[in-house]
Amino acid sequence: MTHLLTLEELSAAEITGLLDAAAGYLGVGRASPKLTTLAGKVVANLFFENSTRTKISFSLACRRLGAETLDFSPSGSSTAKGESFIDTARNIEAMGIDAVVVRHSSAGSPKLLTQHLSPRVSVINAGDGAHEHPTQGLLDIFTIRQRRGTVAGLTVALVGDIAHSRVARSNIHGLTKLGAKVIVCGPTTLVPREIATLGVEIAHDLDAVLPRCDVINLLRVQFERQRTGLFPSVREYAHLFGMNGDRLALSKPGMLILAPGPINRGVELTPEVADGSNSVILDQVTNGVAVRMAVLAKLCGA
């Protein structure tokens, strides 16, 4: 494996290998000393979109593996003067780097980099438009497996803005390859009918599918990617698709609540659910560092 662009391109064995490796990195840098696996390596974080969890966790993952990091954001950079995406990346490559972690609003941007940078530079997709977010998919699946022991045979619902969600696509590819049943649920305007070709069940009534679910992953409504209002109001969305205490009472005992973040309290879920015993949202954040360590070690390690 040279790059990580999508989970669609990975086999079940490759996904499982990364998950198994991530388990070994839990606690490194905190409960156990930092490693020197990537000593002498330089990783550039090229984030052309805002990020909190992904950007910080990649930086932490690099440091806990002994690598140096370069953090780039377009604000204050030469992109404001008209420098292209490719020229920016190639100039950073010329400074001597081993890997690029890239987030961009255009789908396919990470793949484009692989065609313009040296083959020795690994490219990791940290989210490209509404296409994929493979490390988020991996950490979501890792968290499920950590709590349930397996993914095979579970029913997982992805609820919310499926149309604009790169997280949904990565989760669908990863979960179905590992044997989970996936339901996508949301307003008809936010669930494209063609998503069924990926082997998922489509639903528009959350209350009807909840009793069948072992896991529910609540996706953020991405208002910034919508050009028109796709549902009447935020209040109505929360009423029909928000996870609250009443809906939790209708669910299977011990159902896991995931959310890739940032969470909008009172929209996708209420505070009592976000902070309740079913929630593994902060576990996802913790596990994200270990998963990204596993990816970096796989791509850049000796």
Protein backbone atom coordinates (compact mmCIF):
# COMPACT_ATOMS: atom_id res chain seq x y z
CA MET A 1 0.00 0.00 0.00
CA THR A 2 1.49 3.33 -1.10
CA HIS A 3 -1.46 5.71 -0.60
CA LEU A 4 -4.76 5.76 1.28
CA LEU A 5 -7.30 7.45 -0.98
CA THR A 6 -10.50 5.47 -0.34
CA LEU A 7 -11.87 2.49 1.56
CA GLU A 8 -13.60 1.46 -1.66
CA GLU A 9 -10.21 0.41 -3.04
CA LEU A 10 -9.20 -1.65 0.01
CA SER A 11 -9.99 -5.30 0.58
CA ALA A 12 -11.56 -6.63 3.77
CA ALA A 13 -8.17 -8.08 4.70
CA GLU A 14 -6.41 -4.72 4.25
CA ILE A 15 -9.04 -2.94 6.35
CA THR A 16 -8.78 -5.58 9.08
CA GLY A 17 -4.99 -5.30 9.02
CA LEU A 18 -5.15 -1.56 9.66
CA LEU A 19 -7.69 -2.05 12.47
CA ASP A 20 -5.53 -4.72 14.09
CA ALA A 21 -2.47 -2.48 13.85
CA ALA A 22 -4.38 0.46 15.36
CA ALA A 23 -5.18 -1.60 18.46
CA GLY A 24 -1.46 -1.82 19.14
CA TYR A 25 -1.06 1.96 19.09
CA LEU A 26 -3.67 2.76 21.73
CA GLY A 27 -2.03 4.58 24.61
CA VAL A 28 1.29 5.25 22.84
CA GLY A 29 2.60 8.63 23.91
CA ARG A 30 0.47 8.59 27.05
CA ALA A 31 0.38 5.22 28.85
CA SER A 32 3.56 4.14 27.02
CA PRO A 33 6.51 6.05 25.52
CA LYS A 34 6.48 7.61 22.07
CA LEU A 35 7.92 5.51 19.25
CA THR A 36 10.66 6.11 16.70
CA THR A 37 8.95 4.22 13.87
CA LEU A 38 8.95 7.30 11.63
CA ALA A 39 12.07 9.00 12.95
CA GLY A 40 13.54 11.19 10.22
CA LYS A 41 10.29 11.26 8.23
CA VAL A 42 8.42 14.48 7.43
CA VAL A 43 4.64 14.58 6.97
CA ALA A 44 2.91 17.63 5.48
CA ASN A 45 -0.67 18.38 6.55
CA LEU A 46 -2.32 20.22 3.67
CA PHE A 47 -5.74 21.32 4.88
CA PHE A 48 -7.65 23.46 2.41
CA GLU A 49 -10.81 23.11 4.54
CA ASN A 50 -11.36 23.69 8.24
CA SER A 51 -10.69 20.81 10.61
CA THR A 52 -10.30 20.19 14.32
CA ARG A 53 -10.23 16.46 15.11
CA THR A 54 -8.67 15.19 11.88
CA LYS A 55 -5.90 17.77 11.64
CA ILE A 56 -4.90 17.62 15.30
CA SER A 57 -5.03 13.82 15.46
CA PHE A 58 -2.82 13.45 12.37
CA SER A 59 -0.30 15.84 13.94
CA LEU A 60 -0.36 13.90 17.21
CA ALA A 61 -0.08 10.59 15.36
CA CYS A 62 3.03 11.84 13.55
CA ARG A 63 4.69 13.03 16.74
CA ARG A 64 3.93 9.83 18.62
CA LEU A 65 5.61 7.89 15.81
CA GLY A 66 8.65 10.20 15.84
CA ALA A 67 7.94 12.08 12.59
CA GLU A 68 8.18 15.81 11.96
CA THR A 69 5.13 17.68 10.69
CA LEU A 70 4.52 20.66 8.44
CA ASP A 71 1.11 22.26 8.87
CA PHE A 72 -0.35 24.18 5.92
CA SER A 73 -3.56 26.19 5.66
CA PRO A 74 -4.55 28.40 2.72
CA SER A 75 -5.10 31.42 4.96
CA GLY A 76 -1.98 33.57 4.63
CA SER A 77 -0.39 31.28 2.02
CA SER A 78 0.52 31.94 -1.60
CA THR A 79 -2.74 30.37 -2.75
CA ALA A 80 -4.21 33.80 -1.97
CA LYS A 81 -1.88 35.16 -4.67
CA GLY A 82 -3.10 32.67 -7.25
CA GLU A 83 -0.76 29.69 -6.70
CA SER A 84 -2.47 26.47 -7.77
CA PHE A 85 -3.18 23.46 -5.61
CA ILE A 86 -0.65 21.35 -7.53
CA ASP A 87 2.08 24.00 -7.47
CA THR A 88 1.59 24.46 -3.73
CA ALA A 89 1.98 20.73 -3.14
CA ARG A 90 5.00 20.41 -5.43
CA ASN A 91 6.78 23.30 -3.73
CA ILE A 92 6.21 21.72 -0.34
CA GLU A 93 7.44 18.40 -1.73
CA ALA A 94 10.63 20.13 -2.89
CA MET A 95 11.42 20.97 0.74
CA GLY A 96 11.76 17.24 1.45
CA ILE A 97 8.69 15.38 2.68
CA ASP A 98 7.69 11.73 2.85
CA ALA A 99 3.90 11.96 3.02
CA VAL A 100 1.05 14.39 2.43
CA VAL A 101 -2.20 14.40 4.39
CA VAL A 102 -4.66 16.39 2.29
CA ARG A 103 -8.17 17.75 2.85
CA HIS A 104 -9.84 19.59 -0.01
CA SER A 105 -13.33 20.61 -1.05
CA SER A 106 -12.93 19.01 -4.50
CA ALA A 107 -13.56 15.28 -4.83
CA GLY A 108 -10.56 13.50 -6.34
CA SER A 109 -7.95 16.00 -5.11
CA PRO A 110 -5.84 13.40 -3.24
CA LYS A 111 -5.76 11.16 -6.32
CA LEU A 112 -4.71 14.14 -8.42
CA LEU A 113 -1.74 14.66 -6.11
CA THR A 114 -0.57 11.08 -6.66
CA GLN A 115 -0.30 11.92 -10.38
CA HIS A 116 1.88 15.00 -9.81
CA LEU A 117 4.07 14.16 -6.82
CA SER A 118 6.97 11.74 -6.67
CA PRO A 119 5.99 8.06 -6.25
CA ARG A 120 7.99 8.04 -3.00
CA VAL A 121 5.56 10.52 -1.40
CA SER A 122 2.55 8.83 0.16
CA VAL A 123 -0.80 10.63 -0.11
CA ILE A 124 -3.46 10.21 2.57
CA ASN A 125 -6.99 11.45 1.97
CA ALA A 126 -8.27 13.44 4.96
CA GLY A 127 -11.57 14.19 3.22
CA ASP A 128 -12.21 15.21 -0.38
CA GLY A 129 -15.47 17.00 -0.99
CA ALA A 130 -18.43 14.66 -0.63
CA HIS A 131 -16.39 11.68 -1.87
CA GLU A 132 -14.60 9.84 0.97
CA HIS A 133 -12.94 10.26 4.36
CA PRO A 134 -11.18 6.89 4.78
CA THR A 135 -9.50 7.41 8.17
CA GLN A 136 -12.81 8.57 9.67
CA GLY A 137 -14.45 5.44 8.30
CA LEU A 138 -11.67 3.34 9.81
CA LEU A 139 -11.92 4.92 13.25
CA ASP A 140 -15.71 4.58 13.26
CA ILE A 141 -15.41 0.89 12.42
CA PHE A 142 -12.58 0.44 14.92
CA THR A 143 -14.76 1.93 17.67
CA ILE A 144 -17.64 -0.41 16.82
CA ARG A 145 -15.33 -3.43 16.81
CA GLN A 146 -13.72 -2.30 20.07
CA ARG A 147 -17.09 -2.23 21.83
CA ARG A 148 -18.77 -5.18 20.13
CA GLY A 149 -15.82 -7.44 19.32
CA THR A 150 -16.84 -7.78 15.68
CA VAL A 151 -18.56 -5.90 12.87
CA ALA A 152 -19.93 -8.88 10.97
CA GLY A 153 -23.63 -9.42 11.54
CA LEU A 154 -24.32 -6.01 13.08
CA THR A 155 -26.90 -3.59 11.71
CA VAL A 156 -25.54 -0.05 11.44
CA ALA A 157 -27.66 2.97 10.54
CA LEU A 158 -26.11 6.08 9.02
CA VAL A 159 -28.57 8.88 9.69
CA GLY A 160 -28.66 12.37 8.23
CA ASP A 161 -27.10 14.15 5.30
CA ILE A 162 -26.07 11.15 3.20
CA ALA A 163 -25.95 13.16 -0.04
CA HIS A 164 -23.11 15.42 1.09
CA SER A 165 -21.31 13.04 3.47
CA ARG A 166 -17.87 11.67 2.64
CA VAL A 167 -18.00 9.92 6.02
CA ALA A 168 -21.10 7.98 4.94
CA ARG A 169 -19.40 6.66 1.82
CA SER A 170 -16.29 5.50 3.62
CA ASN A 171 -18.39 3.84 6.32
CA ILE A 172 -20.55 2.09 3.73
CA HIS A 173 -17.55 0.65 1.89
CA GLY A 174 -15.78 -0.45 5.07
CA LEU A 175 -18.77 -1.83 6.96
CA THR A 176 -20.23 -3.82 4.08
CA LYS A 177 -16.85 -5.38 3.31
CA LEU A 178 -16.59 -6.54 6.91
CA GLY A 179 -20.06 -8.10 6.90
CA ALA A 180 -22.31 -5.47 8.48
CA LYS A 181 -25.83 -4.62 7.35
CA VAL A 182 -25.99 -0.88 6.56
CA ILE A 183 -29.13 1.27 6.56
CA VAL A 184 -28.99 4.87 5.35
CA CYS A 185 -31.76 7.05 6.74
CA GLY A 186 -32.73 10.66 6.24
CA PRO A 187 -35.04 13.03 4.39
CA THR A 188 -35.70 12.04 0.76
CA THR A 189 -33.83 15.18 -0.32
CA LEU A 190 -30.69 14.10 1.54
CA VAL A 191 -30.57 10.43 0.55
CA PRO A 192 -29.71 9.92 -3.14
CA ARG A 193 -31.51 6.89 -4.60
CA GLU A 194 -28.34 5.72 -6.36
CA ILE A 195 -26.73 5.06 -2.95
CA ALA A 196 -28.62 1.74 -3.02
CA THR A 197 -26.12 0.51 -5.62
CA LEU A 198 -23.55 0.34 -2.80
CA GLY A 199 -25.50 -2.47 -1.15
CA VAL A 200 -27.35 -0.51 1.53
CA GLU A 201 -30.98 -0.30 2.59
CA ILE A 202 -32.64 3.11 2.23
CA ALA A 203 -35.09 4.35 4.86
CA HIS A 204 -36.84 7.64 5.55
CA ASP A 205 -38.46 6.78 8.90
CA LEU A 206 -35.95 6.65 11.74
CA ASP A 207 -38.46 5.34 14.28
CA ALA A 208 -39.24 2.37 12.03
CA VAL A 209 -35.63 1.18 11.73
CA LEU A 210 -34.33 2.01 15.22
CA PRO A 211 -35.41 -1.28 16.88
CA ARG A 212 -33.29 -3.21 14.35
CA CYS A 213 -30.08 -1.22 14.85
CA ASP A 214 -27.04 -2.21 16.89
CA VAL A 215 -25.24 1.04 16.02
CA ILE A 216 -26.40 4.45 14.86
CA ASN A 217 -23.97 6.94 13.34
CA LEU A 218 -25.43 10.45 13.34
CA LEU A 219 -24.09 12.54 10.47
CA ARG A 220 -23.94 16.30 10.61
CA VAL A 221 -26.26 18.27 8.35
CA GLN A 222 -23.76 20.00 6.07
CA PHE A 223 -25.42 23.36 5.49
CA GLU A 224 -22.22 24.73 3.91
CA ARG A 225 -22.46 22.24 1.02
CA GLN A 226 -26.12 22.88 0.29
CA ARG A 227 -27.12 25.42 -2.32
CA THR A 228 -30.82 25.35 -1.48
CA GLY A 229 -32.87 24.45 1.57
CA LEU A 230 -33.38 20.68 1.43
CA PHE A 231 -35.85 20.43 4.32
CA PRO A 232 -38.35 22.89 5.81
CA SER A 233 -36.51 23.75 9.04
CA VAL A 234 -33.86 22.62 11.49
CA ARG A 235 -36.61 22.13 14.05
CA GLU A 236 -38.47 19.72 11.78
CA TYR A 237 -35.25 17.83 10.98
CA ALA A 238 -34.53 17.41 14.70
CA HIS A 239 -38.11 16.23 15.28
CA LEU A 240 -37.96 13.56 12.56
CA PHE A 241 -34.30 12.46 12.57
CA GLY A 242 -32.70 13.76 15.75
CA MET A 243 -31.66 11.23 18.39
CA ASN A 244 -33.20 12.00 21.76
CA GLY A 245 -34.07 10.22 24.99
CA ASP A 246 -37.45 9.02 23.73
CA ARG A 247 -35.90 7.41 20.65
CA LEU A 248 -33.15 5.89 22.74
CA ALA A 249 -35.83 4.19 24.84
CA LEU A 250 -37.17 2.54 21.68
CA SER A 251 -33.75 1.20 20.73
CA LYS A 252 -31.97 -2.05 21.50
CA PRO A 253 -30.34 -2.12 24.94
CA GLY A 254 -26.73 -1.05 24.62
CA MET A 255 -27.08 0.42 21.14
CA LEU A 256 -23.97 2.44 20.29
CA ILE A 257 -24.27 6.13 19.37
CA LEU A 258 -21.55 7.45 17.07
CA ALA A 259 -21.09 10.86 15.46
CA PRO A 260 -18.10 11.94 13.37
CA GLY A 261 -18.29 15.53 14.62
CA PRO A 262 -18.60 18.34 14.93
CA ILE A 263 -21.91 17.59 16.59
CA ASN A 264 -24.80 20.05 16.55
CA ARG A 265 -26.51 19.57 19.91
CA GLY A 266 -30.24 19.81 19.55
CA VAL A 267 -30.12 18.98 15.83
CA GLU A 268 -28.62 15.53 15.18
CA LEU A 269 -28.79 14.59 18.86
CA THR A 270 -29.72 16.01 22.21
CA PRO A 271 -27.21 16.61 25.03
CA GLU A 272 -28.60 13.69 27.07
CA VAL A 273 -27.76 11.35 24.18
CA ALA A 274 -24.40 12.93 23.30
CA ASP A 275 -23.21 12.64 26.89
CA GLY A 276 -25.05 9.44 27.84
CA SER A 277 -23.78 5.92 28.42
CA ASN A 278 -24.62 4.78 24.88
CA SER A 279 -22.40 7.46 23.34
CA VAL A 280 -18.92 6.53 22.15
CA ILE A 281 -18.27 9.87 20.47
CA LEU A 282 -15.21 10.74 22.55
CA ASP A 283 -13.93 7.17 22.13
CA GLN A 284 -14.00 7.82 18.38
CA VAL A 285 -11.77 10.86 18.88
CA THR A 286 -9.33 8.89 21.05
CA ASN A 287 -9.27 6.00 18.59
CA GLY A 288 -8.67 8.39 15.69
CA VAL A 289 -5.10 8.99 16.82
CA ALA A 290 -4.34 5.26 16.97
CA VAL A 291 -5.95 4.60 13.59
CA ARG A 292 -3.99 7.40 11.96
CA MET A 293 -0.80 6.10 13.54
CA ALA A 294 -1.50 2.72 11.96
CA VAL A 295 -2.06 4.32 8.54
CA LEU A 296 1.09 6.44 8.72
CA ALA A 297 3.21 3.52 9.91
CA LYS A 298 1.85 1.30 7.11
CA LEU A 299 2.52 3.87 4.38
CA CYS A 300 5.75 5.47 5.64
CA GLY A 301 7.33 2.91 7.97
CA ALA A 302 10.33 0.79 7.10
